[in-house]
């Protein structure tokens, strides 16, 4: 891979990470709106938030994977723990993007 290609690839990966962080934040905001309307019942999944109209599309991370979702969360007790497995698509590795670390 040439230098320009490597640079472009690096920028693309950074953009995917940032897009996934934005997605996780949007899910958290959708949960707040859902909680206001539904007396704080935890949605079963981000897909449920989409089906209820709180998200504009069924959420997948920038690598095409479903997010790991636990509500109520262990790290975010008043919200959900939301995790993207990141580029390697494996849970528990260094490239995971975690809601409680944003």
PDB file of N, CA and C in Angstrom:
ATOM      1  N   UNK A   1       0.859  -1.174   0.000  1.00  0.00           N
ATOM      2  CA  UNK A   1       0.000   0.000   0.000  1.00  0.00           C
ATOM      3  C   UNK A   1       0.904   1.236   0.000  1.00  0.00           C
ATOM      4  N   UNK A   2       0.617   2.162  -0.851  1.00  0.00           N
ATOM      5  CA  UNK A   2       1.425   3.376  -0.902  1.00  0.00           C
ATOM      6  C   UNK A   2       1.073   4.318   0.250  1.00  0.00           C
ATOM      7  N   UNK A   3       1.843   5.345   0.428  1.00  0.00           N
ATOM      8  CA  UNK A   3       1.660   6.276   1.549  1.00  0.00           C
ATOM      9  C   UNK A   3       0.298   6.962   1.490  1.00  0.00           C
ATOM     10  N   UNK A   4      -0.114   7.383   0.297  1.00  0.00           N
ATOM     11  CA  UNK A   4      -1.414   8.050   0.156  1.00  0.00           C
ATOM     12  C   UNK A   4      -2.542   7.076   0.508  1.00  0.00           C
ATOM     13  N   UNK A   5      -2.423   5.843   0.050  1.00  0.00           N
ATOM     14  CA  UNK A   5      -3.438   4.832   0.354  1.00  0.00           C
ATOM     15  C   UNK A   5      -3.506   4.533   1.843  1.00  0.00           C
ATOM     16  N   UNK A   6      -2.340   4.433   2.475  1.00  0.00           N
ATOM     17  CA  UNK A   6      -2.295   4.174   3.916  1.00  0.00           C
ATOM     18  C   UNK A   6      -2.919   5.332   4.690  1.00  0.00           C
ATOM     19  N   UNK A   7      -2.634   6.543   4.269  1.00  0.00           N
ATOM     20  CA  UNK A   7      -3.206   7.728   4.913  1.00  0.00           C
ATOM     21  C   UNK A   7      -4.731   7.730   4.769  1.00  0.00           C
ATOM     22  N   UNK A   8      -5.207   7.472   3.553  1.00  0.00           N
ATOM     23  CA  UNK A   8      -6.656   7.471   3.304  1.00  0.00           C
ATOM     24  C   UNK A   8      -7.335   6.376   4.117  1.00  0.00           C
ATOM     25  N   UNK A   9      -6.708   5.206   4.194  1.00  0.00           N
ATOM     26  CA  UNK A   9      -7.276   4.101   4.966  1.00  0.00           C
ATOM     27  C   UNK A   9      -7.352   4.471   6.452  1.00  0.00           C
ATOM     28  N   UNK A  10      -6.304   5.098   6.958  1.00  0.00           N
ATOM     29  CA  UNK A  10      -6.299   5.532   8.356  1.00  0.00           C
ATOM     30  C   UNK A  10      -7.401   6.537   8.645  1.00  0.00           C
ATOM     31  N   UNK A  11      -7.602   7.472   7.724  1.00  0.00           N
ATOM     32  CA  UNK A  11      -8.673   8.470   7.882  1.00  0.00           C
ATOM     33  C   UNK A  11     -10.044   7.795   7.861  1.00  0.00           C
ATOM     34  N   UNK A  12     -10.210   6.807   6.986  1.00  0.00           N
ATOM     35  CA  UNK A  12     -11.473   6.075   6.894  1.00  0.00           C
ATOM     36  C   UNK A  12     -11.758   5.351   8.204  1.00  0.00           C
ATOM     37  N   UNK A  13     -10.763   4.709   8.771  1.00  0.00           N
ATOM     38  CA  UNK A  13     -10.959   3.995  10.037  1.00  0.00           C
ATOM     39  C   UNK A  13     -11.296   4.965  11.171  1.00  0.00           C
ATOM     40  N   UNK A  14     -10.646   6.105  11.215  1.00  0.00           N
ATOM     41  CA  UNK A  14     -10.967   7.111  12.237  1.00  0.00           C
ATOM     42  C   UNK A  14     -12.400   7.596  12.066  1.00  0.00           C
ATOM     43  N   UNK A  15     -12.838   7.766  10.840  1.00  0.00           N
ATOM     44  CA  UNK A  15     -14.215   8.199  10.578  1.00  0.00           C
ATOM     45  C   UNK A  15     -15.208   7.133  11.026  1.00  0.00           C
ATOM     46  N   UNK A  16     -14.893   5.881  10.817  1.00  0.00           N
ATOM     47  CA  UNK A  16     -15.783   4.790  11.251  1.00  0.00           C
ATOM     48  C   UNK A  16     -15.897   4.770  12.770  1.00  0.00           C
ATOM     49  N   UNK A  17     -14.790   4.984  13.452  1.00  0.00           N
ATOM     50  CA  UNK A  17     -14.806   5.027  14.920  1.00  0.00           C
ATOM     51  C   UNK A  17     -15.677   6.182  15.390  1.00  0.00           C
ATOM     52  N   UNK A  18     -15.493   7.339  14.801  1.00  0.00           N
ATOM     53  CA  UNK A  18     -16.276   8.513  15.199  1.00  0.00           C
ATOM     54  C   UNK A  18     -17.760   8.317  14.887  1.00  0.00           C
ATOM     55  N   UNK A  19     -18.083   7.749  13.732  1.00  0.00           N
ATOM     56  CA  UNK A  19     -19.480   7.474  13.381  1.00  0.00           C
ATOM     57  C   UNK A  19     -20.128   6.531  14.388  1.00  0.00           C
ATOM     58  N   UNK A  20     -19.381   5.527  14.826  1.00  0.00           N
ATOM     59  CA  UNK A  20     -19.925   4.576  15.792  1.00  0.00           C
ATOM     60  C   UNK A  20     -20.127   5.233  17.152  1.00  0.00           C
ATOM     61  N   UNK A  21     -19.231   6.108  17.547  1.00  0.00           N
ATOM     62  CA  UNK A  21     -19.412   6.854  18.800  1.00  0.00           C
ATOM     63  C   UNK A  21     -20.665   7.716  18.729  1.00  0.00           C
ATOM     64  N   UNK A  22     -20.880   8.379  17.601  1.00  0.00           N
ATOM     65  CA  UNK A  22     -22.082   9.200  17.411  1.00  0.00           C
ATOM     66  C   UNK A  22     -23.325   8.324  17.484  1.00  0.00           C
ATOM     67  N   UNK A  23     -23.278   7.156  16.867  1.00  0.00           N
ATOM     68  CA  UNK A  23     -24.407   6.227  16.907  1.00  0.00           C
ATOM     69  C   UNK A  23     -24.740   5.833  18.344  1.00  0.00           C
ATOM     70  N   UNK A  24     -23.731   5.498  19.119  1.00  0.00           N
ATOM     71  CA  UNK A  24     -23.957   5.100  20.514  1.00  0.00           C
ATOM     72  C   UNK A  24     -24.570   6.258  21.299  1.00  0.00           C
ATOM     73  N   UNK A  25     -24.068   7.460  21.094  1.00  0.00           N
ATOM     74  CA  UNK A  25     -24.644   8.631  21.780  1.00  0.00           C
ATOM     75  C   UNK A  25     -26.091   8.851  21.354  1.00  0.00           C
ATOM     76  N   UNK A  26     -26.393   8.649  20.069  1.00  0.00           N
ATOM     77  CA  UNK A  26     -27.771   8.803  19.586  1.00  0.00           C
ATOM     78  C   UNK A  26     -28.694   7.759  20.207  1.00  0.00           C
ATOM     79  N   UNK A  27     -28.202   6.560  20.392  1.00  0.00           N
ATOM     80  CA  UNK A  27     -29.008   5.524  21.055  1.00  0.00           C
ATOM     81  C   UNK A  27     -29.280   5.929  22.495  1.00  0.00           C
ATOM     82  N   UNK A  28     -28.277   6.461  23.169  1.00  0.00           N
ATOM     83  CA  UNK A  28     -28.475   6.908  24.548  1.00  0.00           C
ATOM     84  C   UNK A  28     -29.520   8.030  24.617  1.00  0.00           C
ATOM     85  N   UNK A  29     -29.463   8.968  23.681  1.00  0.00           N
ATOM     86  CA  UNK A  29     -30.455  10.049  23.650  1.00  0.00           C
ATOM     87  C   UNK A  29     -31.849   9.499  23.355  1.00  0.00           C
ATOM     88  N   UNK A  30     -31.928   8.532  22.447  1.00  0.00           N
ATOM     89  CA  UNK A  30     -33.216   7.908  22.128  1.00  0.00           C
ATOM     90  C   UNK A  30     -33.778   7.187  23.350  1.00  0.00           C
ATOM     91  N   UNK A  31     -32.899   6.604  24.151  1.00  0.00           N
ATOM     92  CA  UNK A  31     -33.353   5.935  25.374  1.00  0.00           C
ATOM     93  C   UNK A  31     -33.964   6.937  26.347  1.00  0.00           C
ATOM     94  N   UNK A  32     -33.371   8.113  26.460  1.00  0.00           N
ATOM     95  CA  UNK A  32     -33.916   9.152  27.346  1.00  0.00           C
ATOM     96  C   UNK A  32     -35.315   9.548  26.867  1.00  0.00           C
ATOM     97  N   UNK A  33     -35.463   9.764  25.544  1.00  0.00           N
ATOM     98  CA  UNK A  33     -36.786  10.116  25.014  1.00  0.00           C
ATOM     99  C   UNK A  33     -37.787   8.989  25.239  1.00  0.00           C
ATOM    100  N   UNK A  34     -37.355   7.758  25.054  1.00  0.00           N
ATOM    101  CA  UNK A  34     -38.221   6.601  25.273  1.00  0.00           C
ATOM    102  C   UNK A  34     -38.619   6.500  26.739  1.00  0.00           C
ATOM    103  N   UNK A  35     -37.667   6.741  27.613  1.00  0.00           N
ATOM    104  CA  UNK A  35     -37.925   6.670  29.054  1.00  0.00           C
ATOM    105  C   UNK A  35     -38.964   7.706  29.468  1.00  0.00           C
ATOM    106  N   UNK A  36     -38.869   8.891  28.894  1.00  0.00           N
ATOM    107  CA  UNK A  36     -39.828   9.950  29.193  1.00  0.00           C
ATOM    108  C   UNK A  36     -41.245   9.534  28.785  1.00  0.00           C
ATOM    109  N   UNK A  37     -41.356   8.853  27.672  1.00  0.00           N
ATOM    110  CA  UNK A  37     -42.664   8.434  27.157  1.00  0.00           C
ATOM    111  C   UNK A  37     -43.176   7.150  27.783  1.00  0.00           C
ATOM    112  N   UNK A  38     -42.274   6.271  28.219  1.00  0.00           N
ATOM    113  CA  UNK A  38     -42.667   4.932  28.651  1.00  0.00           C
ATOM    114  C   UNK A  38     -42.355   4.635  30.112  1.00  0.00           C
ATOM    115  N   UNK A  39     -42.304   5.631  30.933  1.00  0.00           N
ATOM    116  CA  UNK A  39     -42.059   5.478  32.365  1.00  0.00           C
ATOM    117  C   UNK A  39     -40.797   4.649  32.637  1.00  0.00           C
ATOM    118  N   UNK A  40     -39.748   4.968  31.913  1.00  0.00           N
ATOM    119  CA  UNK A  40     -38.408   4.412  32.124  1.00  0.00           C
ATOM    120  C   UNK A  40     -38.288   2.897  31.963  1.00  0.00           C
ATOM    121  N   UNK A  41     -39.131   2.293  31.176  1.00  0.00           N
ATOM    122  CA  UNK A  41     -38.946   0.873  30.876  1.00  0.00           C
ATOM    123  C   UNK A  41     -37.771   0.748  29.906  1.00  0.00           C
ATOM    124  N   UNK A  42     -36.857  -0.143  30.212  1.00  0.00           N
ATOM    125  CA  UNK A  42     -35.703  -0.351  29.337  1.00  0.00           C
ATOM    126  C   UNK A  42     -36.155  -0.954  28.017  1.00  0.00           C
ATOM    127  N   UNK A  43     -35.756  -0.355  26.912  1.00  0.00           N
ATOM    128  CA  UNK A  43     -36.024  -0.998  25.624  1.00  0.00           C
ATOM    129  C   UNK A  43     -35.254  -2.317  25.552  1.00  0.00           C
ATOM    130  N   UNK A  44     -35.810  -3.296  24.888  1.00  0.00           N
ATOM    131  CA  UNK A  44     -35.144  -4.599  24.785  1.00  0.00           C
ATOM    132  C   UNK A  44     -33.896  -4.541  23.920  1.00  0.00           C
ATOM    133  N   UNK A  45     -33.873  -3.587  22.991  1.00  0.00           N
ATOM    134  CA  UNK A  45     -32.731  -3.483  22.079  1.00  0.00           C
ATOM    135  C   UNK A  45     -32.770  -2.128  21.375  1.00  0.00           C
ATOM    136  N   UNK A  46     -31.650  -1.742  20.759  1.00  0.00           N
ATOM    137  CA  UNK A  46     -31.686  -0.534  19.937  1.00  0.00           C
ATOM    138  C   UNK A  46     -32.681  -0.657  18.781  1.00  0.00           C
ATOM    139  N   UNK A  47     -32.869  -1.866  18.272  1.00  0.00           N
ATOM    140  CA  UNK A  47     -33.847  -2.082  17.195  1.00  0.00           C
ATOM    141  C   UNK A  47     -35.245  -1.713  17.661  1.00  0.00           C
ATOM    142  N   UNK A  48     -35.561  -1.994  18.919  1.00  0.00           N
ATOM    143  CA  UNK A  48     -36.874  -1.613  19.466  1.00  0.00           C
ATOM    144  C   UNK A  48     -37.037  -0.097  19.451  1.00  0.00           C
ATOM    145  N   UNK A  49     -35.967   0.628  19.758  1.00  0.00           N
ATOM    146  CA  UNK A  49     -36.029   2.094  19.702  1.00  0.00           C
ATOM    147  C   UNK A  49     -36.312   2.559  18.275  1.00  0.00           C
ATOM    148  N   UNK A  50     -35.728   1.887  17.302  1.00  0.00           N
ATOM    149  CA  UNK A  50     -36.002   2.196  15.896  1.00  0.00           C
ATOM    150  C   UNK A  50     -37.471   1.907  15.568  1.00  0.00           C
ATOM    151  N   UNK A  51     -37.961   0.757  15.969  1.00  0.00           N
ATOM    152  CA  UNK A  51     -39.343   0.379  15.682  1.00  0.00           C
ATOM    153  C   UNK A  51     -40.346   1.329  16.321  1.00  0.00           C
ATOM    154  N   UNK A  52     -39.964   1.896  17.473  1.00  0.00           N
ATOM    155  CA  UNK A  52     -40.848   2.840  18.167  1.00  0.00           C
ATOM    156  C   UNK A  52     -40.704   4.261  17.627  1.00  0.00           C
ATOM    157  N   UNK A  53     -39.791   4.465  16.690  1.00  0.00           N
ATOM    158  CA  UNK A  53     -39.623   5.775  16.079  1.00  0.00           C
ATOM    159  C   UNK A  53     -38.646   6.698  16.785  1.00  0.00           C
ATOM    160  N   UNK A  54     -37.884   6.195  17.740  1.00  0.00           N
ATOM    161  CA  UNK A  54     -36.915   7.033  18.451  1.00  0.00           C
ATOM    162  C   UNK A  54     -35.580   7.122  17.713  1.00  0.00           C
ATOM    163  N   UNK A  55     -35.331   6.214  16.767  1.00  0.00           N
ATOM    164  CA  UNK A  55     -34.149   6.251  15.909  1.00  0.00           C
ATOM    165  C   UNK A  55     -34.617   6.222  14.461  1.00  0.00           C
ATOM    166  N   UNK A  56     -33.843   6.843  13.573  1.00  0.00           N
ATOM    167  CA  UNK A  56     -34.269   6.928  12.173  1.00  0.00           C
ATOM    168  C   UNK A  56     -33.928   5.683  11.361  1.00  0.00           C
ATOM    169  N   UNK A  57     -33.035   4.833  11.886  1.00  0.00           N
ATOM    170  CA  UNK A  57     -32.733   3.581  11.194  1.00  0.00           C
ATOM    171  C   UNK A  57     -32.301   2.535  12.213  1.00  0.00           C
ATOM    172  N   UNK A  58     -32.423   1.270  11.814  1.00  0.00           N
ATOM    173  CA  UNK A  58     -32.001   0.164  12.659  1.00  0.00           C
ATOM    174  C   UNK A  58     -30.486   0.260  12.830  1.00  0.00           C
ATOM    175  N   UNK A  59     -29.996   0.393  14.062  1.00  0.00           N
ATOM    176  CA  UNK A  59     -28.580   0.715  14.250  1.00  0.00           C
ATOM    177  C   UNK A  59     -27.623  -0.469  14.104  1.00  0.00           C
ATOM    178  N   UNK A  60     -26.628  -0.270  13.260  1.00  0.00           N
ATOM    179  CA  UNK A  60     -25.478  -1.155  13.108  1.00  0.00           C
ATOM    180  C   UNK A  60     -24.245  -0.274  13.213  1.00  0.00           C
ATOM    181  N   UNK A  61     -23.151  -0.813  13.747  1.00  0.00           N
ATOM    182  CA  UNK A  61     -21.945   0.003  13.821  1.00  0.00           C
ATOM    183  C   UNK A  61     -21.348   0.192  12.426  1.00  0.00           C
ATOM    184  N   UNK A  62     -20.273   0.932  12.345  1.00  0.00           N
ATOM    185  CA  UNK A  62     -19.673   1.276  11.049  1.00  0.00           C
ATOM    186  C   UNK A  62     -19.071   0.073  10.329  1.00  0.00           C
ATOM    187  N   UNK A  63     -18.962  -1.063  11.013  1.00  0.00           N
ATOM    188  CA  UNK A  63     -18.439  -2.282  10.403  1.00  0.00           C
ATOM    189  C   UNK A  63     -19.560  -3.276  10.099  1.00  0.00           C
ATOM    190  N   UNK A  64     -20.814  -2.800  10.191  1.00  0.00           N
ATOM    191  CA  UNK A  64     -21.965  -3.616   9.820  1.00  0.00           C
ATOM    192  C   UNK A  64     -22.418  -4.609  10.871  1.00  0.00           C
ATOM    193  N   UNK A  65     -21.971  -4.431  12.100  1.00  0.00           N
ATOM    194  CA  UNK A  65     -22.312  -5.352  13.190  1.00  0.00           C
ATOM    195  C   UNK A  65     -23.381  -4.766  14.102  1.00  0.00           C
ATOM    196  N   UNK A  66     -24.205  -5.644  14.657  1.00  0.00           N
ATOM    197  CA  UNK A  66     -25.136  -5.210  15.702  1.00  0.00           C
ATOM    198  C   UNK A  66     -24.322  -4.843  16.938  1.00  0.00           C
ATOM    199  N   UNK A  67     -24.830  -3.913  17.699  1.00  0.00           N
ATOM    200  CA  UNK A  67     -24.177  -3.505  18.931  1.00  0.00           C
ATOM    201  C   UNK A  67     -24.542  -4.467  20.052  1.00  0.00           C
ATOM    202  N   UNK A  68     -23.644  -4.610  21.009  1.00  0.00           N
ATOM    203  CA  UNK A  68     -23.937  -5.369  22.224  1.00  0.00           C
ATOM    204  C   UNK A  68     -24.658  -4.407  23.146  1.00  0.00           C
ATOM    205  N   UNK A  69     -25.769  -4.837  23.715  1.00  0.00           N
ATOM    206  CA  UNK A  69     -26.666  -3.935  24.440  1.00  0.00           C
ATOM    207  C   UNK A  69     -27.143  -4.625  25.703  1.00  0.00           C
ATOM    208  N   UNK A  70     -27.023  -3.943  26.833  1.00  0.00           N
ATOM    209  CA  UNK A  70     -27.525  -4.469  28.100  1.00  0.00           C
ATOM    210  C   UNK A  70     -28.186  -3.329  28.865  1.00  0.00           C
ATOM    211  N   UNK A  71     -29.475  -3.495  29.157  1.00  0.00           N
ATOM    212  CA  UNK A  71     -30.228  -2.467  29.864  1.00  0.00           C
ATOM    213  C   UNK A  71     -31.059  -3.118  30.968  1.00  0.00           C
ATOM    214  N   UNK A  72     -30.943  -2.664  32.202  1.00  0.00           N
ATOM    215  CA  UNK A  72     -30.024  -1.619  32.651  1.00  0.00           C
ATOM    216  C   UNK A  72     -28.590  -2.121  32.582  1.00  0.00           C
ATOM    217  N   UNK A  73     -27.703  -1.184  32.447  1.00  0.00           N
ATOM    218  CA  UNK A  73     -26.299  -1.535  32.306  1.00  0.00           C
ATOM    219  C   UNK A  73     -25.622  -1.785  33.639  1.00  0.00           C
ATOM    220  N   UNK A  74     -24.473  -2.415  33.566  1.00  0.00           N
ATOM    221  CA  UNK A  74     -23.638  -2.609  34.755  1.00  0.00           C
ATOM    222  C   UNK A  74     -22.752  -1.386  34.982  1.00  0.00           C
ATOM    223  N   UNK A  75     -22.313  -0.769  33.897  1.00  0.00           N
ATOM    224  CA  UNK A  75     -21.448   0.408  33.982  1.00  0.00           C
ATOM    225  C   UNK A  75     -22.269   1.693  33.990  1.00  0.00           C
ATOM    226  N   UNK A  76     -23.379   1.669  33.309  1.00  0.00           N
ATOM    227  CA  UNK A  76     -24.284   2.816  33.216  1.00  0.00           C
ATOM    228  C   UNK A  76     -25.617   2.391  33.814  1.00  0.00           C
ATOM    229  N   UNK A  77     -25.694   2.382  35.136  1.00  0.00           N
ATOM    230  CA  UNK A  77     -26.842   1.819  35.850  1.00  0.00           C
ATOM    231  C   UNK A  77     -28.152   2.502  35.476  1.00  0.00           C
ATOM    232  N   UNK A  78     -28.121   3.809  35.227  1.00  0.00           N
ATOM    233  CA  UNK A  78     -29.345   4.527  34.886  1.00  0.00           C
ATOM    234  C   UNK A  78     -29.633   4.511  33.393  1.00  0.00           C
ATOM    235  N   UNK A  79     -28.810   3.813  32.645  1.00  0.00           N
ATOM    236  CA  UNK A  79     -28.970   3.737  31.203  1.00  0.00           C
ATOM    237  C   UNK A  79     -28.599   2.321  30.768  1.00  0.00           C
ATOM    238  N   UNK A  80     -28.082   2.207  29.573  1.00  0.00           N
ATOM    239  CA  UNK A  80     -27.666   0.909  29.049  1.00  0.00           C
ATOM    240  C   UNK A  80     -26.172   0.896  28.801  1.00  0.00           C
ATOM    241  N   UNK A  81     -25.603  -0.284  28.851  1.00  0.00           N
ATOM    242  CA  UNK A  81     -24.242  -0.477  28.380  1.00  0.00           C
ATOM    243  C   UNK A  81     -24.355  -0.832  26.899  1.00  0.00           C
ATOM    244  N   UNK A  82     -23.676  -0.084  26.065  1.00  0.00           N
ATOM    245  CA  UNK A  82     -23.715  -0.301  24.625  1.00  0.00           C
ATOM    246  C   UNK A  82     -22.272  -0.435  24.144  1.00  0.00           C
ATOM    247  N   UNK A  83     -21.999  -1.499  23.387  1.00  0.00           N
ATOM    248  CA  UNK A  83     -20.634  -1.773  22.938  1.00  0.00           C
ATOM    249  C   UNK A  83     -20.627  -2.123  21.458  1.00  0.00           C
ATOM    250  N   UNK A  84     -19.698  -1.519  20.740  1.00  0.00           N
ATOM    251  CA  UNK A  84     -19.367  -1.941  19.378  1.00  0.00           C
ATOM    252  C   UNK A  84     -18.105  -2.793  19.490  1.00  0.00           C
ATOM    253  N   UNK A  85     -18.075  -3.905  18.796  1.00  0.00           N
ATOM    254  CA  UNK A  85     -16.899  -4.776  18.814  1.00  0.00           C
ATOM    255  C   UNK A  85     -15.761  -4.214  17.970  1.00  0.00           C
ATOM    256  N   UNK A  86     -16.018  -3.124  17.280  1.00  0.00           N
ATOM    257  CA  UNK A  86     -14.971  -2.448  16.529  1.00  0.00           C
ATOM    258  C   UNK A  86     -14.562  -3.173  15.259  1.00  0.00           C
ATOM    259  N   UNK A  87     -13.457  -2.729  14.730  1.00  0.00           N
ATOM    260  CA  UNK A  87     -12.976  -3.197  13.435  1.00  0.00           C
ATOM    261  C   UNK A  87     -12.750  -4.708  13.389  1.00  0.00           C
ATOM    262  N   UNK A  88     -12.223  -5.289  14.473  1.00  0.00           N
ATOM    263  CA  UNK A  88     -11.914  -6.725  14.442  1.00  0.00           C
ATOM    264  C   UNK A  88     -13.144  -7.611  14.659  1.00  0.00           C
ATOM    265  N   UNK A  89     -14.278  -6.987  15.021  1.00  0.00           N
ATOM    266  CA  UNK A  89     -15.559  -7.690  15.197  1.00  0.00           C
ATOM    267  C   UNK A  89     -15.502  -8.768  16.277  1.00  0.00           C
ATOM    268  N   UNK A  90     -14.608  -8.558  17.269  1.00  0.00           N
ATOM    269  CA  UNK A  90     -14.488  -9.490  18.388  1.00  0.00           C
ATOM    270  C   UNK A  90     -14.683  -8.722  19.693  1.00  0.00           C
ATOM    271  N   UNK A  91     -15.537  -9.249  20.529  1.00  0.00           N
ATOM    272  CA  UNK A  91     -15.810  -8.595  21.814  1.00  0.00           C
ATOM    273  C   UNK A  91     -14.627  -8.779  22.760  1.00  0.00           C
ATOM    274  N   UNK A  92     -14.373  -7.726  23.541  1.00  0.00           N
ATOM    275  CA  UNK A  92     -13.357  -7.803  24.577  1.00  0.00           C
ATOM    276  C   UNK A  92     -11.941  -7.494  24.115  1.00  0.00           C
ATOM    277  N   UNK A  93     -11.811  -6.880  22.959  1.00  0.00           N
ATOM    278  CA  UNK A  93     -10.484  -6.521  22.462  1.00  0.00           C
ATOM    279  C   UNK A  93     -10.292  -5.005  22.549  1.00  0.00           C
ATOM    280  N   UNK A  94      -9.103  -4.547  22.282  1.00  0.00           N
ATOM    281  CA  UNK A  94      -8.745  -3.149  22.472  1.00  0.00           C
ATOM    282  C   UNK A  94      -9.468  -2.159  21.584  1.00  0.00           C
ATOM    283  N   UNK A  95     -10.073  -2.623  20.500  1.00  0.00           N
ATOM    284  CA  UNK A  95     -10.749  -1.675  19.611  1.00  0.00           C
ATOM    285  C   UNK A  95     -12.241  -1.535  19.896  1.00  0.00           C
ATOM    286  N   UNK A  96     -12.725  -2.186  20.964  1.00  0.00           N
ATOM    287  CA  UNK A  96     -14.135  -2.042  21.336  1.00  0.00           C
ATOM    288  C   UNK A  96     -14.445  -0.581  21.655  1.00  0.00           C
ATOM    289  N   UNK A  97     -15.642  -0.154  21.309  1.00  0.00           N
ATOM    290  CA  UNK A  97     -16.102   1.198  21.631  1.00  0.00           C
ATOM    291  C   UNK A  97     -17.229   1.036  22.640  1.00  0.00           C
ATOM    292  N   UNK A  98     -17.043   1.579  23.841  1.00  0.00           N
ATOM    293  CA  UNK A  98     -17.949   1.344  24.972  1.00  0.00           C
ATOM    294  C   UNK A  98     -18.644   2.642  25.381  1.00  0.00           C
ATOM    295  N   UNK A  99     -19.938   2.562  25.570  1.00  0.00           N
ATOM    296  CA  UNK A  99     -20.728   3.749  25.905  1.00  0.00           C
ATOM    297  C   UNK A  99     -20.231   4.432  27.175  1.00  0.00           C
ATOM    298  N   UNK A 100     -19.832   3.682  28.155  1.00  0.00           N
ATOM    299  CA  UNK A 100     -19.442   4.267  29.439  1.00  0.00           C
ATOM    300  C   UNK A 100     -18.062   4.921  29.382  1.00  0.00           C
ATOM    301  N   UNK A 101     -17.360   4.771  28.266  1.00  0.00           N
ATOM    302  CA  UNK A 101     -16.059   5.430  28.104  1.00  0.00           C
ATOM    303  C   UNK A 101     -16.139   6.667  27.207  1.00  0.00           C
ATOM    304  N   UNK A 102     -17.321   6.983  26.711  1.00  0.00           N
ATOM    305  CA  UNK A 102     -17.460   8.134  25.811  1.00  0.00           C
ATOM    306  C   UNK A 102     -17.598   9.423  26.594  1.00  0.00           C
TER     307      UNK A 102
END
